[in-house]
C-alpha atoms as a PDB file:
ATOM      1  CA  MET A   1     -60.964 123.074 109.803  1.00  0.00           C
ATOM      2  CA  ILE A   2     -59.055 126.368 107.725  1.00  0.00           C
ATOM      3  CA  ARG A   3     -56.308 124.469 105.849  1.00  0.00           C
ATOM      4  CA  SER A   4     -53.849 127.364 104.928  1.00  0.00           C
ATOM      5  CA  ALA A   5     -50.486 127.167 103.814  1.00  0.00           C
ATOM      6  CA  ALA A   6     -49.889 130.066 106.989  1.00  0.00           C
ATOM      7  CA  PRO A   7     -51.864 130.872 109.907  1.00  0.00           C
ATOM      8  CA  LEU A   8     -54.632 133.542 108.529  1.00  0.00           C
ATOM      9  CA  ASP A   9     -54.814 137.031 110.230  1.00  0.00           C
ATOM     10  CA  PRO A  10     -57.548 138.119 112.818  1.00  0.00           C
ATOM     11  CA  GLY A  11     -58.796 140.434 110.222  1.00  0.00           C
ATOM     12  CA  GLU A  12     -59.066 137.851 107.329  1.00  0.00           C
ATOM     13  CA  ARG A  13     -60.139 135.522 109.914  1.00  0.00           C
ATOM     14  CA  TRP A  14     -62.662 138.009 111.336  1.00  0.00           C
ATOM     15  CA  LYS A  15     -63.886 138.699 107.767  1.00  0.00           C
ATOM     16  CA  LEU A  16     -64.630 134.915 106.673  1.00  0.00           C
ATOM     17  CA  ALA A  17     -66.863 134.846 109.952  1.00  0.00           C
ATOM     18  CA  GLN A  18     -68.921 137.658 108.686  1.00  0.00           C
ATOM     19  CA  LYS A  19     -69.482 135.709 105.642  1.00  0.00           C
ATOM     20  CA  LEU A  20     -69.606 131.885 106.530  1.00  0.00           C
ATOM     21  CA  ALA A  21     -72.311 133.263 109.122  1.00  0.00           C
ATOM     22  CA  ILE A  22     -75.436 133.962 106.916  1.00  0.00           C
ATOM     23  CA  PRO A  23     -75.669 130.788 104.846  1.00  0.00           C
ATOM     24  CA  ALA A  24     -75.126 128.728 108.314  1.00  0.00           C
ATOM     25  CA  LYS A  25     -77.422 131.366 110.453  1.00  0.00           C
ATOM     26  CA  CYS A  26     -75.897 130.878 113.624  1.00  0.00           C
ATOM     27  CA  ASP A  27     -72.056 132.604 115.062  1.00  0.00           C
ATOM     28  CA  VAL A  28     -69.345 131.335 112.876  1.00  0.00           C
ATOM     29  CA  ASP A  29     -66.119 131.685 114.585  1.00  0.00           C
ATOM     30  CA  PRO A  30     -63.366 129.765 112.666  1.00  0.00           C
ATOM     31  CA  VAL A  31     -60.175 128.535 114.173  1.00  0.00           C
ATOM     32  CA  ASP A  32     -57.622 127.826 112.143  1.00  0.00           C
ATOM     33  CA  LEU A  33     -56.554 124.768 113.689  1.00  0.00           C
ATOM     34  CA  PRO A  34     -53.440 123.617 112.192  1.00  0.00           C
ATOM     35  CA  TRP A  35     -51.730 126.428 113.803  1.00  0.00           C
ATOM     36  CA  ALA A  36     -53.666 126.330 116.776  1.00  0.00           C
ATOM     37  CA  SER A  37     -52.221 124.761 120.986  1.00  0.00           C
ATOM     38  CA  THR A  38     -52.908 121.125 121.308  1.00  0.00           C
ATOM     39  CA  VAL A  39     -55.656 121.491 123.937  1.00  0.00           C
ATOM     40  CA  LEU A  40     -57.527 123.838 121.727  1.00  0.00           C
ATOM     41  CA  ARG A  41     -57.786 121.694 118.886  1.00  0.00           C
ATOM     42  CA  ARG A  42     -58.754 118.706 120.961  1.00  0.00           C
ATOM     43  CA  GLN A  43     -61.624 121.048 122.210  1.00  0.00           C
ATOM     44  CA  VAL A  44     -62.987 122.012 118.805  1.00  0.00           C
ATOM     45  CA  VAL A  45     -62.456 118.560 116.996  1.00  0.00           C
ATOM     46  CA  ALA A  46     -64.579 116.702 119.667  1.00  0.00           C
ATOM     47  CA  SER A  47     -66.988 119.663 120.494  1.00  0.00           C
ATOM     48  CA  GLY A  48     -67.237 122.129 117.551  1.00  0.00           C
ATOM     49  CA  THR A  49     -69.471 122.087 114.360  1.00  0.00           C
ATOM     50  CA  GLY A  50     -68.104 121.883 110.685  1.00  0.00           C
ATOM     51  CA  LEU A  51     -69.511 123.526 108.112  1.00  0.00           C
ATOM     52  CA  PHE A  52     -68.522 121.596 105.399  1.00  0.00           C
ATOM     53  CA  GLN A  53     -65.664 119.603 104.039  1.00  0.00           C
ATOM     54  CA  PHE A  54     -64.490 118.489 100.884  1.00  0.00           C
ATOM     55  CA  ASP A  55     -62.509 115.379 101.572  1.00  0.00           C
ATOM     56  CA  SER A  56     -63.520 113.475 104.653  1.00  0.00           C
ATOM     57  CA  LEU A  57     -60.597 111.329 104.809  1.00  0.00           C
ATOM     58  CA  ILE A  58     -58.325 114.081 105.316  1.00  0.00           C
ATOM     59  CA  VAL A  59     -61.003 115.237 107.941  1.00  0.00           C
ATOM     60  CA  GLU A  60     -60.695 111.958 109.277  1.00  0.00           C
ATOM     61  CA  GLU A  61     -56.795 111.776 109.107  1.00  0.00           C
ATOM     62  CA  PHE A  62     -56.650 115.124 111.067  1.00  0.00           C
ATOM     63  CA  GLU A  63     -58.641 114.405 113.881  1.00  0.00           C
ATOM     64  CA  ASP A  64     -56.303 111.142 114.201  1.00  0.00           C
ATOM     65  CA  ARG A  65     -53.436 113.297 114.527  1.00  0.00           C
ATOM     66  CA  VAL A  66     -55.419 115.945 116.562  1.00  0.00           C
ATOM     67  CA  PHE A  67     -56.348 113.276 119.203  1.00  0.00           C
ATOM     68  CA  PHE A  68     -53.135 111.770 119.219  1.00  0.00           C
ATOM     69  CA  GLY A  69     -51.717 114.254 120.008  1.00  0.00           C
ATOM     70  CA  TYR A  70     -53.018 115.678 122.952  1.00  0.00           C
ATOM     71  CA  VAL A  71     -52.489 111.764 124.274  1.00  0.00           C
ATOM     72  CA  ARG A  72     -48.869 112.424 123.851  1.00  0.00           C
ATOM     73  CA  PHE A  73     -49.693 115.604 125.397  1.00  0.00           C
ATOM     74  CA  HIS A  74     -50.712 114.732 128.424  1.00  0.00           C
ATOM     75  CA  GLU A  75     -48.438 111.879 128.289  1.00  0.00           C
ATOM     76  CA  GLU A  76     -45.549 114.325 128.416  1.00  0.00           C
ATOM     77  CA  ARG A  77     -46.642 116.777 131.314  1.00  0.00           C
ATOM     78  CA  ARG A  78     -47.527 113.464 133.349  1.00  0.00           C
ATOM     79  CA  GLU A  79     -43.683 113.422 134.197  1.00  0.00           C
ATOM     80  CA  LEU A  80     -43.048 116.825 134.549  1.00  0.00           C
ATOM     81  CA  PRO A  81     -43.577 116.589 138.559  1.00  0.00           C
ATOM     82  CA  ASP A  82     -41.631 113.639 138.632  1.00  0.00           C
ATOM     83  CA  GLN A  83     -38.895 115.780 137.112  1.00  0.00           C
ATOM     84  CA  VAL A  84     -39.505 119.047 138.853  1.00  0.00           C
ATOM     85  CA  ARG A  85     -39.525 117.185 142.731  1.00  0.00           C
ATOM     86  CA  GLY A  86     -35.944 115.677 141.417  1.00  0.00           C
ATOM     87  CA  GLN A  87     -34.667 118.472 140.638  1.00  0.00           C
ATOM     88  CA  GLY A  88     -35.770 119.934 144.530  1.00  0.00           C
ATOM     89  CA  LEU A  89     -37.942 122.627 142.425  1.00  0.00           C
ATOM     90  CA  SER A  90     -41.648 122.871 143.019  1.00  0.00           C
ATOM     91  CA  MET A  91     -44.323 123.448 140.228  1.00  0.00           C
ATOM     92  CA  THR A  92     -44.376 127.002 140.735  1.00  0.00           C
ATOM     93  CA  ASN A  93     -40.405 127.107 140.447  1.00  0.00           C
ATOM     94  CA  ALA A  94     -39.933 125.455 137.264  1.00  0.00           C
ATOM     95  CA  VAL A  95     -43.076 127.795 135.638  1.00  0.00           C
ATOM     96  CA  LEU A  96     -41.290 130.676 136.239  1.00  0.00           C
ATOM     97  CA  ILE A  97     -38.319 129.418 135.203  1.00  0.00           C
ATOM     98  CA  ASN A  98     -38.813 128.024 132.259  1.00  0.00           C
ATOM     99  CA  GLN A  99     -40.602 131.375 131.490  1.00  0.00           C
END
């Protein structure tokens, strides 16, 4: 996770990846987690590998928020088909309407 006050510019993130790859001796794909989607955050926290951390408590709290957010995301989505059916629409029409 990269902690920043604003999302990193893609060019800056690429430069950071190049700098980190040398000492890590592997390809590095930095993800600006606070600004990533709920699903991507969960995927990275669950299966990504951290290179280093300054404060494990902050990392644990962030990971907890990611997992709780992911559960909440699925709970909200679970209700969507019933809401759509109640309006007499199909899921395809509902997605097109919401775009």
